[in-house]
Amino acid sequence: MAEPISMDMAFLILAAAVATFLTRIGGYVLINRMKTIPPRMEQALNAVPAAVLTTLVAPAFFDGGWDVKIAMLVALVVSLRYPGLLMLVAGWAAAMICRHLLGF
């Protein structure tokens, strides 16, 4: 039988939820109060998608096996020329070929 959540754990969960909410709503309120977005802030906001993608992809690339590395490299090369869906299919196909035919 599972133990009930302690008061300390409940407080920690609540505090994390409040901090997450305030962080997200704070950025929204700050941007909406500005008449124009300063150029440096716009550059920083434009860099966010690349930073998020890097934090998602880098650990998988460095911790994954050769099948993951090859699939990511194939997806990268395909993404330079073709749209996203084709990139996903090419990466998936490369991973399946590596796993089932090459035995990685």
Protein backbone atom coordinates (compact mmCIF):
# COMPACT_ATOMS: atom_id res chain seq x y z
CA MET A 1 0.00 0.00 0.00
CA ALA A 2 1.32 3.45 -0.90
CA GLU A 3 2.27 5.87 1.83
CA PRO A 4 0.33 9.11 2.09
CA ILE A 5 2.18 12.25 1.01
CA SER A 6 3.89 14.02 3.88
CA MET A 7 3.21 17.70 4.55
CA ASP A 8 6.78 18.56 3.54
CA MET A 9 6.35 16.84 0.18
CA ALA A 10 2.97 18.49 -0.40
CA PHE A 11 4.48 21.91 0.40
CA LEU A 12 7.39 21.25 -1.98
CA ILE A 13 5.02 20.29 -4.80
CA LEU A 14 2.88 23.36 -4.17
CA ALA A 15 5.93 25.66 -4.04
CA ALA A 16 7.25 24.23 -7.32
CA ALA A 17 3.85 24.72 -8.96
CA VAL A 18 3.64 28.35 -7.77
CA ALA A 19 7.22 29.08 -8.90
CA THR A 20 6.53 27.59 -12.33
CA PHE A 21 3.30 29.55 -12.70
CA LEU A 22 4.89 32.84 -11.65
CA THR A 23 7.82 32.34 -14.00
CA ARG A 24 5.58 31.66 -16.97
CA ILE A 25 3.03 34.38 -16.28
CA GLY A 26 5.76 36.87 -15.38
CA GLY A 27 7.30 36.70 -18.85
CA TYR A 28 3.90 37.10 -20.46
CA VAL A 29 3.03 40.14 -18.34
CA LEU A 30 6.45 41.73 -18.92
CA ILE A 31 6.25 41.38 -22.71
CA ASN A 32 2.66 42.65 -22.84
CA ARG A 33 3.53 45.82 -20.90
CA MET A 34 6.21 46.82 -23.39
CA LYS A 35 5.22 49.00 -26.31
CA THR A 36 8.12 47.66 -28.37
CA ILE A 37 10.49 44.81 -27.71
CA PRO A 38 14.13 45.94 -27.47
CA PRO A 39 16.39 44.43 -30.16
CA ARG A 40 18.55 42.53 -27.65
CA MET A 41 15.49 40.96 -26.03
CA GLU A 42 14.15 39.98 -29.45
CA GLN A 43 17.49 38.32 -30.26
CA ALA A 44 17.38 36.45 -26.96
CA LEU A 45 13.81 35.27 -27.60
CA ASN A 46 14.77 34.15 -31.10
CA ALA A 47 17.57 32.01 -29.61
CA VAL A 48 15.24 30.11 -27.27
CA PRO A 49 14.05 27.42 -29.74
CA ALA A 50 17.63 26.47 -30.66
CA ALA A 51 18.62 26.34 -26.98
CA VAL A 52 15.65 24.12 -26.10
CA LEU A 53 16.33 21.81 -29.05
CA THR A 54 19.97 21.52 -28.02
CA THR A 55 19.05 20.58 -24.45
CA LEU A 56 16.75 17.86 -25.76
CA VAL A 57 19.02 16.43 -28.46
CA ALA A 58 22.52 16.64 -26.93
CA PRO A 59 21.99 14.19 -24.03
CA ALA A 60 20.41 11.60 -26.34
CA PHE A 61 23.26 11.97 -28.83
CA PHE A 62 26.06 11.62 -26.28
CA ASP A 63 24.41 8.98 -24.06
CA GLY A 64 22.79 6.95 -26.85
CA GLY A 65 24.30 4.11 -28.80
CA TRP A 66 25.53 4.13 -32.37
CA ASP A 67 22.00 3.62 -33.65
CA VAL A 68 20.91 6.89 -32.06
CA LYS A 69 23.97 8.77 -33.29
CA ILE A 70 23.54 7.55 -36.87
CA ALA A 71 19.79 8.25 -36.84
CA MET A 72 20.36 11.80 -35.59
CA LEU A 73 23.04 12.47 -38.18
CA VAL A 74 20.81 11.15 -40.97
CA ALA A 75 17.95 13.31 -39.69
CA LEU A 76 20.26 16.34 -39.59
CA VAL A 77 21.40 15.85 -43.19
CA VAL A 78 17.84 15.27 -44.44
CA SER A 79 16.57 18.33 -42.52
CA LEU A 80 18.95 20.57 -44.45
CA ARG A 81 17.07 19.87 -47.68
CA TYR A 82 13.60 18.50 -46.88
CA PRO A 83 10.68 19.34 -44.54
CA GLY A 84 10.32 18.14 -40.95
CA LEU A 85 8.11 15.10 -41.53
CA LEU A 86 10.56 13.61 -44.02
CA MET A 87 13.38 14.27 -41.55
CA LEU A 88 11.52 12.34 -38.84
CA VAL A 89 10.84 9.41 -41.19
CA ALA A 90 14.48 9.32 -42.32
CA GLY A 91 15.76 9.37 -38.72
CA TRP A 92 13.31 6.65 -37.71
CA ALA A 93 14.26 4.52 -40.73
CA ALA A 94 17.96 4.93 -39.99
CA ALA A 95 17.42 3.85 -36.38
CA MET A 96 15.41 0.79 -37.46
CA ILE A 97 18.01 -0.20 -40.06
CA CYS A 98 20.80 0.15 -37.50
CA ARG A 99 18.91 -1.87 -34.89
CA HIS A 100 17.45 -4.65 -37.01
CA LEU A 101 19.84 -5.09 -39.94
CA LEU A 102 23.18 -3.93 -38.56
CA GLY A 103 22.64 -5.10 -34.98
CA PHE A 104 23.64 -1.89 -33.19
